[in-house]
Amino acid sequence: MTEQSSQEQKCIECGAASDQKVLLSCVKDGEDTWVCVHCLPILIHGAH
């Protein structure tokens, strides 16, 4: 995974930065990206 600056580390769902929420790195469409622990269940289970 490529190293990104903390400026670019924002959740792909809600836009939260690492100083706001815990972020997990992931890959979407071949691109390294981030998702926060709050939005992770939405990605796993889908929005209800």
N, C-alpha and C. Protein backbone atom coordinates (compact mmCIF):
# COMPACT_ATOMS: atom_id res chain seq x y z
N MET A 1 0.84 -1.17 0.00
CA MET A 1 0.00 0.00 0.00
C MET A 1 0.89 1.24 0.00
N THR A 2 0.54 2.23 -0.79
CA THR A 2 1.36 3.43 -0.83
C THR A 2 1.10 4.29 0.39
N GLU A 3 2.14 4.98 0.83
CA GLU A 3 2.01 5.84 1.99
C GLU A 3 1.39 7.16 1.58
N GLN A 4 0.35 7.60 2.31
CA GLN A 4 -0.33 8.86 2.02
C GLN A 4 -0.10 9.82 3.18
N SER A 5 -0.10 11.11 2.89
CA SER A 5 0.03 12.09 3.97
C SER A 5 -1.26 12.12 4.77
N SER A 6 -1.18 12.57 6.03
CA SER A 6 -2.37 12.61 6.88
C SER A 6 -3.43 13.56 6.31
N GLN A 7 -3.02 14.48 5.44
CA GLN A 7 -3.96 15.39 4.81
C GLN A 7 -4.91 14.63 3.90
N GLU A 8 -4.44 13.56 3.26
CA GLU A 8 -5.25 12.78 2.34
C GLU A 8 -6.00 11.65 3.03
N GLN A 9 -5.73 11.39 4.28
CA GLN A 9 -6.35 10.28 5.00
C GLN A 9 -7.71 10.70 5.50
N LYS A 10 -8.72 10.52 4.64
CA LYS A 10 -10.10 10.85 4.99
C LYS A 10 -10.99 9.69 4.60
N CYS A 11 -12.02 9.45 5.38
CA CYS A 11 -12.97 8.38 5.12
C CYS A 11 -13.66 8.61 3.77
N ILE A 12 -13.74 7.55 2.96
CA ILE A 12 -14.38 7.67 1.64
C ILE A 12 -15.89 7.84 1.75
N GLU A 13 -16.48 7.53 2.90
CA GLU A 13 -17.92 7.67 3.08
C GLU A 13 -18.32 9.01 3.68
N CYS A 14 -17.71 9.38 4.81
CA CYS A 14 -18.15 10.58 5.54
C CYS A 14 -17.14 11.72 5.51
N GLY A 15 -15.91 11.44 5.06
CA GLY A 15 -14.89 12.48 4.97
C GLY A 15 -14.17 12.78 6.27
N ALA A 16 -14.42 11.98 7.32
CA ALA A 16 -13.75 12.20 8.61
C ALA A 16 -12.25 11.96 8.48
N ALA A 17 -11.46 12.79 9.14
CA ALA A 17 -10.01 12.66 9.15
C ALA A 17 -9.57 11.81 10.33
N SER A 18 -8.30 11.41 10.31
CA SER A 18 -7.79 10.52 11.36
C SER A 18 -7.74 11.18 12.73
N ASP A 19 -7.80 12.51 12.78
CA ASP A 19 -7.85 13.17 14.10
C ASP A 19 -9.28 13.23 14.63
N GLN A 20 -10.25 12.78 13.85
CA GLN A 20 -11.65 12.77 14.27
C GLN A 20 -12.14 11.36 14.61
N LYS A 21 -11.73 10.38 13.80
CA LYS A 21 -12.16 9.00 13.99
C LYS A 21 -11.01 8.07 13.63
N VAL A 22 -11.11 6.82 14.06
CA VAL A 22 -10.11 5.81 13.69
C VAL A 22 -10.36 5.44 12.23
N LEU A 23 -9.29 5.46 11.42
CA LEU A 23 -9.39 5.11 10.01
C LEU A 23 -8.69 3.78 9.74
N LEU A 24 -9.27 3.00 8.84
CA LEU A 24 -8.67 1.75 8.40
C LEU A 24 -8.35 1.88 6.92
N SER A 25 -7.18 1.42 6.53
CA SER A 25 -6.82 1.48 5.12
C SER A 25 -7.53 0.36 4.37
N CYS A 26 -7.88 0.62 3.12
CA CYS A 26 -8.52 -0.38 2.28
C CYS A 26 -8.22 -0.06 0.82
N VAL A 27 -8.62 -0.94 -0.06
CA VAL A 27 -8.43 -0.74 -1.50
C VAL A 27 -9.79 -0.80 -2.16
N LYS A 28 -10.09 0.22 -2.97
CA LYS A 28 -11.36 0.26 -3.71
C LYS A 28 -11.03 0.58 -5.16
N ASP A 29 -11.48 -0.28 -6.06
CA ASP A 29 -11.21 -0.11 -7.49
C ASP A 29 -9.72 0.04 -7.77
N GLY A 30 -8.90 -0.72 -7.02
CA GLY A 30 -7.46 -0.70 -7.23
C GLY A 30 -6.74 0.49 -6.62
N GLU A 31 -7.46 1.36 -5.92
CA GLU A 31 -6.87 2.55 -5.31
C GLU A 31 -6.82 2.40 -3.79
N ASP A 32 -5.69 2.77 -3.18
CA ASP A 32 -5.58 2.79 -1.73
C ASP A 32 -6.45 3.91 -1.20
N THR A 33 -7.24 3.62 -0.17
CA THR A 33 -8.14 4.62 0.39
C THR A 33 -8.35 4.34 1.87
N TRP A 34 -9.28 5.04 2.49
CA TRP A 34 -9.51 4.94 3.94
C TRP A 34 -11.00 4.88 4.23
N VAL A 35 -11.36 4.19 5.30
CA VAL A 35 -12.73 4.16 5.80
C VAL A 35 -12.67 4.23 7.32
N CYS A 36 -13.58 4.99 7.92
CA CYS A 36 -13.59 5.10 9.38
C CYS A 36 -14.39 3.94 9.97
N VAL A 37 -14.17 3.67 11.24
CA VAL A 37 -14.84 2.54 11.90
C VAL A 37 -16.35 2.76 11.99
N HIS A 38 -16.80 4.00 11.93
CA HIS A 38 -18.23 4.28 11.96
C HIS A 38 -18.89 3.87 10.64
N CYS A 39 -18.24 4.11 9.52
CA CYS A 39 -18.80 3.81 8.20
C CYS A 39 -18.54 2.37 7.75
N LEU A 40 -17.63 1.66 8.38
CA LEU A 40 -17.31 0.30 7.96
C LEU A 40 -18.53 -0.61 7.92
N PRO A 41 -19.41 -0.62 8.92
CA PRO A 41 -20.60 -1.49 8.84
C PRO A 41 -21.51 -1.15 7.64
N ILE A 42 -21.55 0.11 7.25
CA ILE A 42 -22.35 0.51 6.08
C ILE A 42 -21.78 -0.15 4.83
N LEU A 43 -20.46 -0.18 4.72
CA LEU A 43 -19.84 -0.81 3.57
C LEU A 43 -20.03 -2.32 3.59
N ILE A 44 -20.03 -2.92 4.76
CA ILE A 44 -20.17 -4.36 4.88
C ILE A 44 -21.62 -4.80 4.63
N HIS A 45 -22.55 -4.12 5.29
CA HIS A 45 -23.96 -4.55 5.26
C HIS A 45 -24.84 -3.75 4.33
N GLY A 46 -24.37 -2.62 3.85
CA GLY A 46 -25.19 -1.74 3.01
C GLY A 46 -26.08 -0.85 3.87
N ALA A 47 -26.51 0.25 3.30
CA ALA A 47 -27.41 1.16 4.03
C ALA A 47 -28.80 0.55 4.10
N HIS A 48 -29.45 0.75 5.23
CA HIS A 48 -30.80 0.19 5.41
C HIS A 48 -31.85 1.20 5.09
